[in-house]
PDB file of N, CA and C in Angstrom:
ATOM      1  N   UNK A   1      56.831  64.798 229.756  1.00  0.00           N
ATOM      2  CA  UNK A   1      56.106  65.783 228.998  1.00  0.00           C
ATOM      3  C   UNK A   1      55.710  65.360 227.638  1.00  0.00           C
ATOM      4  N   UNK A   2      54.536  65.250 227.308  1.00  0.00           N
ATOM      5  CA  UNK A   2      54.084  64.636 225.758  1.00  0.00           C
ATOM      6  C   UNK A   2      54.570  65.738 224.601  1.00  0.00           C
ATOM      7  N   UNK A   3      54.480  65.205 223.675  1.00  0.00           N
ATOM      8  CA  UNK A   3      54.782  66.242 222.347  1.00  0.00           C
ATOM      9  C   UNK A   3      53.635  67.281 222.360  1.00  0.00           C
ATOM     10  N   UNK A   4      52.409  66.801 222.585  1.00  0.00           N
ATOM     11  CA  UNK A   4      51.206  67.843 222.422  1.00  0.00           C
ATOM     12  C   UNK A   4      51.503  68.897 223.683  1.00  0.00           C
ATOM     13  N   UNK A   5      51.943  68.367 224.771  1.00  0.00           N
ATOM     14  CA  UNK A   5      52.150  69.420 225.772  1.00  0.00           C
ATOM     15  C   UNK A   5      53.281  70.384 225.487  1.00  0.00           C
ATOM     16  N   UNK A   6      54.269  69.882 224.798  1.00  0.00           N
ATOM     17  CA  UNK A   6      55.590  70.732 224.218  1.00  0.00           C
ATOM     18  C   UNK A   6      54.907  71.680 223.357  1.00  0.00           C
ATOM     19  N   UNK A   7      54.257  71.247 222.278  1.00  0.00           N
ATOM     20  CA  UNK A   7      53.615  72.277 221.287  1.00  0.00           C
ATOM     21  C   UNK A   7      52.671  73.071 221.942  1.00  0.00           C
ATOM     22  N   UNK A   8      51.871  72.781 222.774  1.00  0.00           N
ATOM     23  CA  UNK A   8      51.052  73.880 223.613  1.00  0.00           C
ATOM     24  C   UNK A   8      51.864  74.786 224.256  1.00  0.00           C
ATOM     25  N   UNK A   9      53.039  74.400 224.894  1.00  0.00           N
ATOM     26  CA  UNK A   9      53.971  75.312 225.591  1.00  0.00           C
ATOM     27  C   UNK A   9      54.396  76.392 224.530  1.00  0.00           C
ATOM     28  N   UNK A  10      54.892  75.822 223.461  1.00  0.00           N
ATOM     29  CA  UNK A  10      55.405  76.580 222.418  1.00  0.00           C
ATOM     30  C   UNK A  10      54.471  77.592 222.014  1.00  0.00           C
ATOM     31  N   UNK A  11      53.296  77.238 221.799  1.00  0.00           N
ATOM     32  CA  UNK A  11      52.172  78.153 221.228  1.00  0.00           C
ATOM     33  C   UNK A  11      51.969  79.193 222.269  1.00  0.00           C
ATOM     34  N   UNK A  12      51.757  78.823 223.354  1.00  0.00           N
ATOM     35  CA  UNK A  12      51.569  79.750 224.610  1.00  0.00           C
ATOM     36  C   UNK A  12      52.870  80.860 224.706  1.00  0.00           C
ATOM     37  N   UNK A  13      53.884  80.325 224.567  1.00  0.00           N
ATOM     38  CA  UNK A  13      55.210  81.285 224.549  1.00  0.00           C
ATOM     39  C   UNK A  13      55.034  82.184 223.528  1.00  0.00           C
ATOM     40  N   UNK A  14      54.708  81.736 222.239  1.00  0.00           N
ATOM     41  CA  UNK A  14      54.654  82.698 221.191  1.00  0.00           C
ATOM     42  C   UNK A  14      53.641  83.587 221.371  1.00  0.00           C
ATOM     43  N   UNK A  15      52.345  83.222 222.075  1.00  0.00           N
ATOM     44  CA  UNK A  15      51.360  84.077 222.205  1.00  0.00           C
ATOM     45  C   UNK A  15      51.741  85.154 223.215  1.00  0.00           C
ATOM     46  N   UNK A  16      52.485  84.879 224.206  1.00  0.00           N
ATOM     47  CA  UNK A  16      53.031  85.867 225.217  1.00  0.00           C
ATOM     48  C   UNK A  16      53.933  86.853 224.511  1.00  0.00           C
ATOM     49  N   UNK A  17      54.730  86.370 223.697  1.00  0.00           N
ATOM     50  CA  UNK A  17      55.688  87.072 222.987  1.00  0.00           C
ATOM     51  C   UNK A  17      55.052  88.188 221.945  1.00  0.00           C
ATOM     52  N   UNK A  18      53.885  87.775 221.349  1.00  0.00           N
ATOM     53  CA  UNK A  18      53.295  88.719 220.349  1.00  0.00           C
ATOM     54  C   UNK A  18      51.834  88.807 220.647  1.00  0.00           C
ATOM     55  N   UNK A  19      51.547  89.795 221.424  1.00  0.00           N
ATOM     56  CA  UNK A  19      50.082  90.025 221.868  1.00  0.00           C
ATOM     57  C   UNK A  19      49.192  90.467 220.893  1.00  0.00           C
ATOM     58  N   UNK A  20      49.638  90.479 219.515  1.00  0.00           N
ATOM     59  CA  UNK A  20      48.873  90.830 218.471  1.00  0.00           C
ATOM     60  C   UNK A  20      48.256  89.678 217.858  1.00  0.00           C
ATOM     61  N   UNK A  21      48.527  88.438 218.365  1.00  0.00           N
ATOM     62  CA  UNK A  21      47.934  87.150 217.902  1.00  0.00           C
ATOM     63  C   UNK A  21      46.402  87.295 218.366  1.00  0.00           C
ATOM     64  N   UNK A  22      45.426  86.860 217.519  1.00  0.00           N
ATOM     65  CA  UNK A  22      44.239  86.789 217.874  1.00  0.00           C
ATOM     66  C   UNK A  22      43.903  85.793 218.848  1.00  0.00           C
ATOM     67  N   UNK A  23      43.260  86.195 219.887  1.00  0.00           N
ATOM     68  CA  UNK A  23      42.886  85.052 220.844  1.00  0.00           C
ATOM     69  C   UNK A  23      42.301  83.851 220.438  1.00  0.00           C
ATOM     70  N   UNK A  24      41.254  84.090 219.507  1.00  0.00           N
ATOM     71  CA  UNK A  24      40.589  82.962 219.115  1.00  0.00           C
ATOM     72  C   UNK A  24      41.282  82.087 217.973  1.00  0.00           C
ATOM     73  N   UNK A  25      42.235  82.674 217.380  1.00  0.00           N
ATOM     74  CA  UNK A  25      43.152  81.921 216.431  1.00  0.00           C
ATOM     75  C   UNK A  25      44.019  81.030 217.295  1.00  0.00           C
ATOM     76  N   UNK A  26      44.347  81.600 218.495  1.00  0.00           N
ATOM     77  CA  UNK A  26      45.390  80.778 219.385  1.00  0.00           C
ATOM     78  C   UNK A  26      44.354  79.627 219.845  1.00  0.00           C
ATOM     79  N   UNK A  27      43.255  79.964 220.312  1.00  0.00           N
ATOM     80  CA  UNK A  27      42.398  78.897 220.957  1.00  0.00           C
ATOM     81  C   UNK A  27      42.066  77.795 219.770  1.00  0.00           C
ATOM     82  N   UNK A  28      41.945  78.225 218.752  1.00  0.00           N
ATOM     83  CA  UNK A  28      41.742  77.083 217.518  1.00  0.00           C
ATOM     84  C   UNK A  28      42.946  76.343 217.287  1.00  0.00           C
ATOM     85  N   UNK A  29      44.239  77.035 217.492  1.00  0.00           N
ATOM     86  CA  UNK A  29      45.576  76.295 217.160  1.00  0.00           C
ATOM     87  C   UNK A  29      45.613  75.127 218.343  1.00  0.00           C
ATOM     88  N   UNK A  30      45.304  75.625 219.696  1.00  0.00           N
ATOM     89  CA  UNK A  30      45.528  74.714 220.933  1.00  0.00           C
ATOM     90  C   UNK A  30      44.288  73.620 220.580  1.00  0.00           C
ATOM     91  N   UNK A  31      43.191  73.872 220.178  1.00  0.00           N
ATOM     92  CA  UNK A  31      42.208  72.815 219.804  1.00  0.00           C
ATOM     93  C   UNK A  31      42.724  71.834 218.799  1.00  0.00           C
ATOM     94  N   UNK A  32      43.213  72.442 217.662  1.00  0.00           N
ATOM     95  CA  UNK A  32      43.670  71.572 216.792  1.00  0.00           C
ATOM     96  C   UNK A  32      44.872  70.587 217.229  1.00  0.00           C
ATOM     97  N   UNK A  33      45.748  71.177 218.080  1.00  0.00           N
ATOM     98  CA  UNK A  33      46.838  70.349 218.508  1.00  0.00           C
ATOM     99  C   UNK A  33      46.277  69.201 219.456  1.00  0.00           C
ATOM    100  N   UNK A  34      45.236  69.555 220.187  1.00  0.00           N
ATOM    101  CA  UNK A  34      44.766  68.470 221.076  1.00  0.00           C
ATOM    102  C   UNK A  34      43.953  67.339 220.243  1.00  0.00           C
ATOM    103  N   UNK A  35      43.321  67.716 219.057  1.00  0.00           N
ATOM    104  CA  UNK A  35      42.603  66.848 218.384  1.00  0.00           C
ATOM    105  C   UNK A  35      43.260  66.266 217.141  1.00  0.00           C
ATOM    106  N   UNK A  36      44.386  66.575 216.770  1.00  0.00           N
ATOM    107  CA  UNK A  36      44.881  66.080 215.547  1.00  0.00           C
ATOM    108  C   UNK A  36      45.476  64.640 215.898  1.00  0.00           C
ATOM    109  N   UNK A  37      45.579  63.800 214.872  1.00  0.00           N
ATOM    110  CA  UNK A  37      45.862  62.582 214.854  1.00  0.00           C
ATOM    111  C   UNK A  37      47.429  62.461 214.630  1.00  0.00           C
ATOM    112  N   UNK A  38      48.189  61.929 215.446  1.00  0.00           N
ATOM    113  CA  UNK A  38      49.704  61.930 215.316  1.00  0.00           C
ATOM    114  C   UNK A  38      50.067  60.581 214.512  1.00  0.00           C
ATOM    115  N   UNK A  39      50.801  60.758 213.392  1.00  0.00           N
ATOM    116  CA  UNK A  39      50.783  59.689 212.519  1.00  0.00           C
ATOM    117  C   UNK A  39      51.884  58.553 213.336  1.00  0.00           C
ATOM    118  N   UNK A  40      51.666  57.369 212.969  1.00  0.00           N
ATOM    119  CA  UNK A  40      52.500  56.254 213.662  1.00  0.00           C
ATOM    120  C   UNK A  40      53.295  55.513 212.458  1.00  0.00           C
ATOM    121  N   UNK A  41      54.559  55.575 212.639  1.00  0.00           N
ATOM    122  CA  UNK A  41      55.378  54.906 211.795  1.00  0.00           C
ATOM    123  C   UNK A  41      54.836  53.349 211.499  1.00  0.00           C
ATOM    124  N   UNK A  42      54.760  52.972 210.514  1.00  0.00           N
ATOM    125  CA  UNK A  42      54.273  51.650 210.269  1.00  0.00           C
ATOM    126  C   UNK A  42      55.251  50.350 210.406  1.00  0.00           C
ATOM    127  N   UNK A  43      56.612  50.792 210.457  1.00  0.00           N
ATOM    128  CA  UNK A  43      57.698  49.775 210.575  1.00  0.00           C
ATOM    129  C   UNK A  43      58.335  49.808 211.736  1.00  0.00           C
ATOM    130  N   UNK A  44      58.617  48.621 212.413  1.00  0.00           N
ATOM    131  CA  UNK A  44      59.431  48.672 213.734  1.00  0.00           C
ATOM    132  C   UNK A  44      60.747  47.717 213.557  1.00  0.00           C
ATOM    133  N   UNK A  45      61.462  47.854 214.583  1.00  0.00           N
ATOM    134  CA  UNK A  45      62.670  46.907 214.469  1.00  0.00           C
ATOM    135  C   UNK A  45      62.409  45.400 214.420  1.00  0.00           C
ATOM    136  N   UNK A  46      61.299  45.123 215.026  1.00  0.00           N
ATOM    137  CA  UNK A  46      60.827  43.636 214.899  1.00  0.00           C
ATOM    138  C   UNK A  46      60.468  43.328 213.688  1.00  0.00           C
ATOM    139  N   UNK A  47      59.809  44.348 212.802  1.00  0.00           N
ATOM    140  CA  UNK A  47      59.302  44.033 211.389  1.00  0.00           C
ATOM    141  C   UNK A  47      60.554  43.739 210.632  1.00  0.00           C
ATOM    142  N   UNK A  48      61.595  44.635 210.787  1.00  0.00           N
ATOM    143  CA  UNK A  48      62.942  44.365 210.130  1.00  0.00           C
ATOM    144  C   UNK A  48      63.618  43.190 210.512  1.00  0.00           C
ATOM    145  N   UNK A  49      63.585  42.695 211.753  1.00  0.00           N
ATOM    146  CA  UNK A  49      64.179  41.340 212.125  1.00  0.00           C
ATOM    147  C   UNK A  49      63.386  40.272 211.456  1.00  0.00           C
ATOM    148  N   UNK A  50      62.035  40.357 211.285  1.00  0.00           N
ATOM    149  CA  UNK A  50      61.340  39.309 210.640  1.00  0.00           C
ATOM    150  C   UNK A  50      61.719  39.252 208.938  1.00  0.00           C
ATOM    151  N   UNK A  51      62.361  40.305 208.534  1.00  0.00           N
ATOM    152  CA  UNK A  51      62.940  40.268 207.314  1.00  0.00           C
ATOM    153  C   UNK A  51      64.361  40.106 207.064  1.00  0.00           C
ATOM    154  N   UNK A  52      64.949  39.468 208.069  1.00  0.00           N
ATOM    155  CA  UNK A  52      66.515  39.054 208.098  1.00  0.00           C
ATOM    156  C   UNK A  52      67.363  39.953 208.675  1.00  0.00           C
ATOM    157  N   UNK A  53      67.111  41.173 209.196  1.00  0.00           N
ATOM    158  CA  UNK A  53      67.909  41.944 209.866  1.00  0.00           C
ATOM    159  C   UNK A  53      68.110  41.665 211.358  1.00  0.00           C
ATOM    160  N   UNK A  54      69.477  41.672 211.668  1.00  0.00           N
ATOM    161  CA  UNK A  54      69.802  41.322 212.983  1.00  0.00           C
ATOM    162  C   UNK A  54      70.067  42.595 213.704  1.00  0.00           C
ATOM    163  N   UNK A  55      69.673  42.549 214.989  1.00  0.00           N
ATOM    164  CA  UNK A  55      69.787  43.813 215.926  1.00  0.00           C
ATOM    165  C   UNK A  55      71.206  44.204 215.855  1.00  0.00           C
ATOM    166  N   UNK A  56      71.463  45.677 215.580  1.00  0.00           N
ATOM    167  CA  UNK A  56      72.634  46.283 215.546  1.00  0.00           C
ATOM    168  C   UNK A  56      72.621  47.542 214.771  1.00  0.00           C
ATOM    169  N   UNK A  57      73.736  48.094 214.541  1.00  0.00           N
ATOM    170  CA  UNK A  57      73.947  49.369 213.672  1.00  0.00           C
ATOM    171  C   UNK A  57      73.217  49.239 212.350  1.00  0.00           C
ATOM    172  N   UNK A  58      73.243  48.165 211.708  1.00  0.00           N
ATOM    173  CA  UNK A  58      72.568  48.169 210.262  1.00  0.00           C
ATOM    174  C   UNK A  58      71.260  48.289 210.248  1.00  0.00           C
ATOM    175  N   UNK A  59      70.558  47.504 211.304  1.00  0.00           N
ATOM    176  CA  UNK A  59      69.021  47.579 211.472  1.00  0.00           C
ATOM    177  C   UNK A  59      68.723  49.080 211.878  1.00  0.00           C
ATOM    178  N   UNK A  60      69.482  49.668 212.725  1.00  0.00           N
ATOM    179  CA  UNK A  60      69.199  50.911 213.214  1.00  0.00           C
ATOM    180  C   UNK A  60      69.119  52.129 212.057  1.00  0.00           C
ATOM    181  N   UNK A  61      70.289  51.885 211.254  1.00  0.00           N
ATOM    182  CA  UNK A  61      70.399  52.682 210.166  1.00  0.00           C
ATOM    183  C   UNK A  61      69.243  52.565 209.096  1.00  0.00           C
ATOM    184  N   UNK A  62      68.952  51.387 208.786  1.00  0.00           N
ATOM    185  CA  UNK A  62      67.743  51.068 208.054  1.00  0.00           C
ATOM    186  C   UNK A  62      66.501  51.681 208.442  1.00  0.00           C
ATOM    187  N   UNK A  63      66.115  51.361 209.776  1.00  0.00           N
ATOM    188  CA  UNK A  63      65.042  51.980 210.304  1.00  0.00           C
ATOM    189  C   UNK A  63      64.978  53.493 210.182  1.00  0.00           C
ATOM    190  N   UNK A  64      66.048  54.085 210.388  1.00  0.00           N
ATOM    191  CA  UNK A  64      66.111  55.650 210.149  1.00  0.00           C
ATOM    192  C   UNK A  64      65.778  55.979 208.786  1.00  0.00           C
ATOM    193  N   UNK A  65      66.419  55.247 207.971  1.00  0.00           N
ATOM    194  CA  UNK A  65      66.320  55.431 206.491  1.00  0.00           C
ATOM    195  C   UNK A  65      64.938  55.402 206.022  1.00  0.00           C
ATOM    196  N   UNK A  66      64.082  54.282 206.449  1.00  0.00           N
ATOM    197  CA  UNK A  66      62.709  53.962 206.082  1.00  0.00           C
ATOM    198  C   UNK A  66      61.985  55.166 206.784  1.00  0.00           C
ATOM    199  N   UNK A  67      62.201  55.671 208.002  1.00  0.00           N
ATOM    200  CA  UNK A  67      61.426  56.702 208.590  1.00  0.00           C
ATOM    201  C   UNK A  67      61.711  57.959 207.868  1.00  0.00           C
ATOM    202  N   UNK A  68      62.704  58.275 207.428  1.00  0.00           N
ATOM    203  CA  UNK A  68      62.873  59.507 206.570  1.00  0.00           C
ATOM    204  C   UNK A  68      62.197  59.503 205.282  1.00  0.00           C
ATOM    205  N   UNK A  69      62.135  58.271 204.771  1.00  0.00           N
ATOM    206  CA  UNK A  69      61.344  58.135 203.357  1.00  0.00           C
ATOM    207  C   UNK A  69      59.885  58.342 203.795  1.00  0.00           C
ATOM    208  N   UNK A  70      59.413  57.708 204.724  1.00  0.00           N
ATOM    209  CA  UNK A  70      57.952  57.931 205.291  1.00  0.00           C
ATOM    210  C   UNK A  70      57.766  59.445 205.602  1.00  0.00           C
ATOM    211  N   UNK A  71      58.543  60.071 206.314  1.00  0.00           N
ATOM    212  CA  UNK A  71      58.360  61.516 206.663  1.00  0.00           C
ATOM    213  C   UNK A  71      58.240  62.308 205.232  1.00  0.00           C
ATOM    214  N   UNK A  72      59.122  62.107 204.408  1.00  0.00           N
ATOM    215  CA  UNK A  72      59.344  62.854 203.093  1.00  0.00           C
ATOM    216  C   UNK A  72      58.257  62.624 202.340  1.00  0.00           C
ATOM    217  N   UNK A  73      57.324  61.535 202.553  1.00  0.00           N
ATOM    218  CA  UNK A  73      56.279  61.189 201.716  1.00  0.00           C
ATOM    219  C   UNK A  73      54.890  61.624 202.594  1.00  0.00           C
ATOM    220  N   UNK A  74      54.963  62.703 203.321  1.00  0.00           N
ATOM    221  CA  UNK A  74      53.940  63.140 204.195  1.00  0.00           C
ATOM    222  C   UNK A  74      53.325  62.215 205.053  1.00  0.00           C
ATOM    223  N   UNK A  75      54.133  61.404 205.733  1.00  0.00           N
ATOM    224  CA  UNK A  75      53.706  60.470 206.792  1.00  0.00           C
ATOM    225  C   UNK A  75      52.829  59.253 206.276  1.00  0.00           C
ATOM    226  N   UNK A  76      52.991  59.071 204.938  1.00  0.00           N
ATOM    227  CA  UNK A  76      52.281  58.091 204.311  1.00  0.00           C
ATOM    228  C   UNK A  76      52.956  57.214 203.423  1.00  0.00           C
ATOM    229  N   UNK A  77      53.055  55.995 203.598  1.00  0.00           N
ATOM    230  CA  UNK A  77      53.603  55.062 202.701  1.00  0.00           C
ATOM    231  C   UNK A  77      53.094  53.738 202.813  1.00  0.00           C
ATOM    232  N   UNK A  78      52.778  53.049 201.840  1.00  0.00           N
ATOM    233  CA  UNK A  78      52.205  51.584 201.933  1.00  0.00           C
ATOM    234  C   UNK A  78      53.416  50.794 202.500  1.00  0.00           C
ATOM    235  N   UNK A  79      53.087  49.723 203.151  1.00  0.00           N
ATOM    236  CA  UNK A  79      54.248  48.804 203.676  1.00  0.00           C
ATOM    237  C   UNK A  79      54.809  48.060 202.358  1.00  0.00           C
ATOM    238  N   UNK A  80      53.935  47.907 201.425  1.00  0.00           N
ATOM    239  CA  UNK A  80      54.469  47.291 200.181  1.00  0.00           C
ATOM    240  C   UNK A  80      55.610  48.051 199.603  1.00  0.00           C
ATOM    241  N   UNK A  81      55.344  49.444 199.602  1.00  0.00           N
ATOM    242  CA  UNK A  81      56.476  50.275 199.044  1.00  0.00           C
ATOM    243  C   UNK A  81      57.747  50.239 200.009  1.00  0.00           C
ATOM    244  N   UNK A  82      57.274  50.378 201.219  1.00  0.00           N
ATOM    245  CA  UNK A  82      58.382  50.177 202.139  1.00  0.00           C
ATOM    246  C   UNK A  82      59.322  49.049 202.009  1.00  0.00           C
ATOM    247  N   UNK A  83      58.518  47.912 201.756  1.00  0.00           N
ATOM    248  CA  UNK A  83      59.336  46.685 201.485  1.00  0.00           C
ATOM    249  C   UNK A  83      60.341  46.685 200.496  1.00  0.00           C
ATOM    250  N   UNK A  84      60.127  47.543 199.461  1.00  0.00           N
ATOM    251  CA  UNK A  84      61.090  47.718 198.229  1.00  0.00           C
ATOM    252  C   UNK A  84      62.409  48.291 198.670  1.00  0.00           C
ATOM    253  N   UNK A  85      62.445  48.897 199.870  1.00  0.00           N
ATOM    254  CA  UNK A  85      63.624  49.588 200.410  1.00  0.00           C
ATOM    255  C   UNK A  85      64.313  48.578 201.474  1.00  0.00           C
ATOM    256  N   UNK A  86      63.909  47.307 201.547  1.00  0.00           N
ATOM    257  CA  UNK A  86      64.377  46.326 202.550  1.00  0.00           C
ATOM    258  C   UNK A  86      65.808  45.601 202.068  1.00  0.00           C
ATOM    259  N   UNK A  87      66.484  46.046 201.046  1.00  0.00           N
ATOM    260  CA  UNK A  87      67.725  45.481 200.632  1.00  0.00           C
ATOM    261  C   UNK A  87      68.650  45.655 201.722  1.00  0.00           C
ATOM    262  N   UNK A  88      69.116  44.454 202.258  1.00  0.00           N
ATOM    263  CA  UNK A  88      70.141  44.389 203.468  1.00  0.00           C
ATOM    264  C   UNK A  88      71.507  44.700 202.901  1.00  0.00           C
ATOM    265  N   UNK A  89      71.741  44.611 201.674  1.00  0.00           N
ATOM    266  CA  UNK A  89      73.290  44.932 201.219  1.00  0.00           C
ATOM    267  C   UNK A  89      73.431  46.517 201.089  1.00  0.00           C
ATOM    268  N   UNK A  90      72.350  47.361 201.003  1.00  0.00           N
ATOM    269  CA  UNK A  90      72.650  48.684 200.881  1.00  0.00           C
ATOM    270  C   UNK A  90      73.280  49.354 202.162  1.00  0.00           C
ATOM    271  N   UNK A  91      74.036  50.321 201.904  1.00  0.00           N
ATOM    272  CA  UNK A  91      74.746  50.993 203.069  1.00  0.00           C
ATOM    273  C   UNK A  91      73.986  52.390 203.403  1.00  0.00           C
ATOM    274  N   UNK A  92      73.336  52.446 204.469  1.00  0.00           N
ATOM    275  CA  UNK A  92      72.466  53.453 204.903  1.00  0.00           C
ATOM    276  C   UNK A  92      73.223  54.143 206.252  1.00  0.00           C
TER     277      UNK A  92
END
């Protein structure tokens, strides 16, 4: 099941629980979920390996750290800014 399908199921469940929700608002939400662009994290494990990280716990922690920074920046962060966080010695 895709993320979109899960969100649609949650919206439908909420609509069933609260029959005071406007049908047209509900349809607009479903349409929005179907059409919205899902942000794609611009950094991968392979990218980190190209910058000197080895497969393992440190790489995983760094990737998670960078993803959190990206999420906290509203799913937008230039790769050049992300590169400033590529310090291999930092403990994440």
